[in-house]
Amino acid sequence: MTSQINLLSDLLRIPSVSTLTEHQPDMASARQFLVNLFKSLGFSTQLLPAPHHPAVFAQLVTNPLAPSVLVYGHYDVQPPGAPSLWHSPPFEPNIRKNRIYARGAADNKGQFLIHVLASQNLAFHPPVNFKFLVIPPSTFLFAASWI
């Protein structure tokens, strides 16, 4: 469990705020983090072009004839707002009472990472292919052409 919390914490430390131009390098860092993660798990990866921020597409195809499970998520976060509204810095994950607090922990980095890790840690492996599409909401309209 500790390695999974560390993995999530590393992702949460990336201030990938897509709506603020000063965070464009962080958006690239978040994309690269995901590409590296997927590759380390045996997925093939691809960056799909979009007007503002590329999407990350990853797939683990075990049988081309099997059905696929597609999971959607996004790698950007909303601006954290006033620091006074936070009990701890928004991009420094903090665990309190067995809960992790940071910008993106619930929407959507934490939730999405749970799906990625669950696909690798199932008690049995269903006869399906896993595909993940991770995009910022600004590229959502382009997603239909990729699926």
C-alpha atoms as a PDB file:
ATOM      1  CA  MET A   1       0.000   0.000   0.000  1.00  0.00           C
ATOM      2  CA  THR A   2       2.845   2.396   0.796  1.00  0.00           C
ATOM      3  CA  SER A   3       4.192   2.263  -2.759  1.00  0.00           C
ATOM      4  CA  GLN A   4       0.721   3.076  -4.103  1.00  0.00           C
ATOM      5  CA  ILE A   5       0.401   6.043  -1.746  1.00  0.00           C
ATOM      6  CA  ASN A   6       3.855   7.233  -2.786  1.00  0.00           C
ATOM      7  CA  LEU A   7       2.879   6.908  -6.444  1.00  0.00           C
ATOM      8  CA  LEU A   8      -0.294   8.917  -5.880  1.00  0.00           C
ATOM      9  CA  SER A   9       1.613  11.501  -3.843  1.00  0.00           C
ATOM     10  CA  ASP A  10       4.143  11.941  -6.654  1.00  0.00           C
ATOM     11  CA  LEU A  11       1.316  12.561  -9.127  1.00  0.00           C
ATOM     12  CA  LEU A  12      -0.490  14.946  -6.767  1.00  0.00           C
ATOM     13  CA  ARG A  13       2.677  17.037  -6.354  1.00  0.00           C
ATOM     14  CA  ILE A  14       2.494  18.003 -10.033  1.00  0.00           C
ATOM     15  CA  PRO A  15       0.473  21.250 -10.213  1.00  0.00           C
ATOM     16  CA  SER A  16      -1.090  20.425 -13.583  1.00  0.00           C
ATOM     17  CA  VAL A  17      -3.484  23.373 -13.775  1.00  0.00           C
ATOM     18  CA  SER A  18      -4.472  23.443 -17.445  1.00  0.00           C
ATOM     19  CA  THR A  19      -6.149  26.847 -17.293  1.00  0.00           C
ATOM     20  CA  LEU A  20      -3.060  28.760 -16.128  1.00  0.00           C
ATOM     21  CA  THR A  21      -0.306  29.367 -18.682  1.00  0.00           C
ATOM     22  CA  GLU A  22       2.420  29.312 -16.024  1.00  0.00           C
ATOM     23  CA  HIS A  23       1.590  25.634 -15.437  1.00  0.00           C
ATOM     24  CA  GLN A  24       2.149  24.469 -19.024  1.00  0.00           C
ATOM     25  CA  PRO A  25       5.445  22.756 -18.044  1.00  0.00           C
ATOM     26  CA  ASP A  26       3.544  20.998 -15.250  1.00  0.00           C
ATOM     27  CA  MET A  27       0.982  19.734 -17.739  1.00  0.00           C
ATOM     28  CA  ALA A  28       3.849  18.208 -19.728  1.00  0.00           C
ATOM     29  CA  SER A  29       5.258  16.704 -16.518  1.00  0.00           C
ATOM     30  CA  ALA A  30       1.897  15.123 -15.664  1.00  0.00           C
ATOM     31  CA  ARG A  31       1.623  13.638 -19.162  1.00  0.00           C
ATOM     32  CA  GLN A  32       5.135  12.215 -18.941  1.00  0.00           C
ATOM     33  CA  PHE A  33       4.413  10.817 -15.476  1.00  0.00           C
ATOM     34  CA  LEU A  34       1.427   8.928 -16.891  1.00  0.00           C
ATOM     35  CA  VAL A  35       3.308   7.695 -19.952  1.00  0.00           C
ATOM     36  CA  ASN A  36       6.104   6.377 -17.717  1.00  0.00           C
ATOM     37  CA  LEU A  37       3.606   4.758 -15.346  1.00  0.00           C
ATOM     38  CA  PHE A  38       1.705   3.000 -18.116  1.00  0.00           C
ATOM     39  CA  LYS A  39       4.910   1.804 -19.791  1.00  0.00           C
ATOM     40  CA  SER A  40       6.186   0.435 -16.468  1.00  0.00           C
ATOM     41  CA  LEU A  41       2.982  -1.622 -16.251  1.00  0.00           C
ATOM     42  CA  GLY A  42       3.383  -3.068 -19.746  1.00  0.00           C
ATOM     43  CA  PHE A  43       0.948  -0.793 -21.591  1.00  0.00           C
ATOM     44  CA  SER A  44       1.665   0.657 -25.009  1.00  0.00           C
ATOM     45  CA  THR A  45       1.213   4.420 -24.974  1.00  0.00           C
ATOM     46  CA  GLN A  46       0.481   7.168 -27.422  1.00  0.00           C
ATOM     47  CA  LEU A  47       0.060  10.930 -27.146  1.00  0.00           C
ATOM     48  CA  LEU A  48      -2.969  12.052 -29.126  1.00  0.00           C
ATOM     49  CA  PRO A  49      -2.755  15.611 -30.469  1.00  0.00           C
ATOM     50  CA  ALA A  50      -5.279  18.219 -29.411  1.00  0.00           C
ATOM     51  CA  PRO A  51      -5.398  22.022 -29.614  1.00  0.00           C
ATOM     52  CA  HIS A  52      -4.308  22.784 -26.038  1.00  0.00           C
ATOM     53  CA  HIS A  53      -2.955  19.663 -24.363  1.00  0.00           C
ATOM     54  CA  PRO A  54      -2.371  16.195 -25.800  1.00  0.00           C
ATOM     55  CA  ALA A  55      -4.268  13.227 -24.467  1.00  0.00           C
ATOM     56  CA  VAL A  56      -2.536  10.138 -23.131  1.00  0.00           C
ATOM     57  CA  PHE A  57      -3.824   6.885 -24.574  1.00  0.00           C
ATOM     58  CA  ALA A  58      -2.598   3.605 -23.112  1.00  0.00           C
ATOM     59  CA  GLN A  59      -3.657   0.079 -23.866  1.00  0.00           C
ATOM     60  CA  LEU A  60      -2.836  -3.419 -22.741  1.00  0.00           C
ATOM     61  CA  VAL A  61      -4.136  -5.751 -25.411  1.00  0.00           C
ATOM     62  CA  THR A  62      -3.930  -9.391 -24.382  1.00  0.00           C
ATOM     63  CA  ASN A  63      -6.271 -10.679 -27.074  1.00  0.00           C
ATOM     64  CA  PRO A  64      -7.232  -8.543 -30.090  1.00  0.00           C
ATOM     65  CA  LEU A  65     -10.517 -10.462 -30.384  1.00  0.00           C
ATOM     66  CA  ALA A  66     -11.510  -9.872 -26.760  1.00  0.00           C
ATOM     67  CA  PRO A  67     -13.720  -6.963 -25.706  1.00  0.00           C
ATOM     68  CA  SER A  68     -12.071  -3.862 -24.304  1.00  0.00           C
ATOM     69  CA  VAL A  69     -12.698  -1.906 -21.139  1.00  0.00           C
ATOM     70  CA  LEU A  70     -12.104   1.808 -21.704  1.00  0.00           C
ATOM     71  CA  VAL A  71     -11.470   4.035 -18.690  1.00  0.00           C
ATOM     72  CA  TYR A  72     -11.575   7.813 -19.053  1.00  0.00           C
ATOM     73  CA  GLY A  73      -9.934  10.321 -16.763  1.00  0.00           C
ATOM     74  CA  HIS A  74      -8.177  13.663 -16.794  1.00  0.00           C
ATOM     75  CA  TYR A  75      -4.714  14.674 -15.648  1.00  0.00           C
ATOM     76  CA  ASP A  76      -5.315  18.346 -14.984  1.00  0.00           C
ATOM     77  CA  VAL A  77      -6.687  20.027 -11.879  1.00  0.00           C
ATOM     78  CA  GLN A  78      -8.512  23.230 -11.087  1.00  0.00           C
ATOM     79  CA  PRO A  79      -6.578  26.171  -9.630  1.00  0.00           C
ATOM     80  CA  PRO A  80      -6.276  25.688  -5.863  1.00  0.00           C
ATOM     81  CA  GLY A  81      -7.676  29.092  -4.941  1.00  0.00           C
ATOM     82  CA  ALA A  82      -6.626  31.033  -1.866  1.00  0.00           C
ATOM     83  CA  PRO A  83      -3.979  29.295   0.270  1.00  0.00           C
ATOM     84  CA  SER A  84      -5.933  30.322   3.371  1.00  0.00           C
ATOM     85  CA  LEU A  85      -8.673  27.876   2.342  1.00  0.00           C
ATOM     86  CA  TRP A  86      -6.289  24.924   2.675  1.00  0.00           C
ATOM     87  CA  HIS A  87      -5.154  23.203   5.881  1.00  0.00           C
ATOM     88  CA  SER A  88      -1.962  22.184   4.061  1.00  0.00           C
ATOM     89  CA  PRO A  89      -0.352  23.263   0.769  1.00  0.00           C
ATOM     90  CA  PRO A  90      -2.572  22.062  -2.120  1.00  0.00           C
ATOM     91  CA  PHE A  91       0.255  20.357  -4.012  1.00  0.00           C
ATOM     92  CA  GLU A  92       1.903  18.741  -0.994  1.00  0.00           C
ATOM     93  CA  PRO A  93      -0.123  15.614  -0.208  1.00  0.00           C
ATOM     94  CA  ASN A  94      -0.996  15.346   3.454  1.00  0.00           C
ATOM     95  CA  ILE A  95      -2.473  12.286   5.157  1.00  0.00           C
ATOM     96  CA  ARG A  96      -4.868  12.973   8.010  1.00  0.00           C
ATOM     97  CA  LYS A  97      -7.098  10.328   9.596  1.00  0.00           C
ATOM     98  CA  ASN A  98      -6.272   7.843   6.810  1.00  0.00           C
ATOM     99  CA  ARG A  99      -7.280  10.284   4.065  1.00  0.00           C
ATOM    100  CA  ILE A 100      -4.998  11.977   1.615  1.00  0.00           C
ATOM    101  CA  TYR A 101      -5.538  15.685   1.040  1.00  0.00           C
ATOM    102  CA  ALA A 102      -4.186  17.520  -2.011  1.00  0.00           C
ATOM    103  CA  ARG A 103      -5.524  19.214  -5.114  1.00  0.00           C
ATOM    104  CA  GLY A 104      -6.611  16.414  -7.457  1.00  0.00           C
ATOM    105  CA  ALA A 105      -6.762  13.663  -4.819  1.00  0.00           C
ATOM    106  CA  ALA A 106     -10.479  13.091  -5.451  1.00  0.00           C
ATOM    107  CA  ASP A 107     -10.937  14.779  -8.834  1.00  0.00           C
ATOM    108  CA  ASN A 108      -9.435  13.143 -10.756  1.00  0.00           C
ATOM    109  CA  LYS A 109      -5.891  11.942 -10.157  1.00  0.00           C
ATOM    110  CA  GLY A 110      -6.683   9.726  -7.164  1.00  0.00           C
ATOM    111  CA  GLN A 111      -9.792   8.185  -8.666  1.00  0.00           C
ATOM    112  CA  PHE A 112      -8.083   7.592 -11.993  1.00  0.00           C
ATOM    113  CA  LEU A 113      -4.977   6.042 -10.449  1.00  0.00           C
ATOM    114  CA  ILE A 114      -7.204   3.613  -8.533  1.00  0.00           C
ATOM    115  CA  HIS A 115      -8.537   2.320 -11.866  1.00  0.00           C
ATOM    116  CA  VAL A 116      -5.047   1.952 -13.323  1.00  0.00           C
ATOM    117  CA  LEU A 117      -3.730   0.060 -10.308  1.00  0.00           C
ATOM    118  CA  ALA A 118      -6.871  -2.064 -10.028  1.00  0.00           C
ATOM    119  CA  SER A 119      -6.417  -3.227 -13.620  1.00  0.00           C
ATOM    120  CA  GLN A 120      -3.068  -4.655 -12.534  1.00  0.00           C
ATOM    121  CA  ASN A 121      -4.093  -6.109  -9.175  1.00  0.00           C
ATOM    122  CA  LEU A 122      -7.229  -8.097  -9.901  1.00  0.00           C
ATOM    123  CA  ALA A 123      -7.667 -11.426  -8.114  1.00  0.00           C
ATOM    124  CA  PHE A 124      -8.299 -12.932 -11.551  1.00  0.00           C
ATOM    125  CA  HIS A 125      -7.679 -11.500 -14.987  1.00  0.00           C
ATOM    126  CA  PRO A 126     -10.864 -11.235 -17.028  1.00  0.00           C
ATOM    127  CA  PRO A 127     -10.583 -11.882 -20.765  1.00  0.00           C
ATOM    128  CA  VAL A 128     -10.589  -8.196 -21.696  1.00  0.00           C
ATOM    129  CA  ASN A 129      -8.185  -5.597 -22.992  1.00  0.00           C
ATOM    130  CA  PHE A 130      -7.645  -2.491 -20.877  1.00  0.00           C
ATOM    131  CA  LYS A 131      -7.560   0.925 -22.519  1.00  0.00           C
ATOM    132  CA  PHE A 132      -7.130   4.264 -20.775  1.00  0.00           C
ATOM    133  CA  LEU A 133      -7.801   7.702 -22.213  1.00  0.00           C
ATOM    134  CA  VAL A 134      -6.506  10.515 -20.030  1.00  0.00           C
ATOM    135  CA  ILE A 135      -7.288  14.013 -21.245  1.00  0.00           C
ATOM    136  CA  PRO A 136      -7.767  17.527 -19.944  1.00  0.00           C
ATOM    137  CA  PRO A 137     -11.427  18.600 -20.247  1.00  0.00           C
ATOM    138  CA  SER A 138     -10.437  21.172 -22.884  1.00  0.00           C
ATOM    139  CA  THR A 139      -9.767  18.283 -25.290  1.00  0.00           C
ATOM    140  CA  PHE A 140     -12.957  16.392 -24.469  1.00  0.00           C
ATOM    141  CA  LEU A 141     -14.670  17.218 -27.774  1.00  0.00           C
ATOM    142  CA  PHE A 142     -11.827  15.559 -29.667  1.00  0.00           C
ATOM    143  CA  ALA A 143     -12.127  12.312 -27.699  1.00  0.00           C
ATOM    144  CA  ALA A 144     -14.955  10.952 -29.858  1.00  0.00           C
ATOM    145  CA  SER A 145     -12.688  10.939 -32.896  1.00  0.00           C
ATOM    146  CA  TRP A 146     -10.078   8.890 -31.014  1.00  0.00           C
ATOM    147  CA  ILE A 147     -12.373   6.154 -29.733  1.00  0.00           C
END
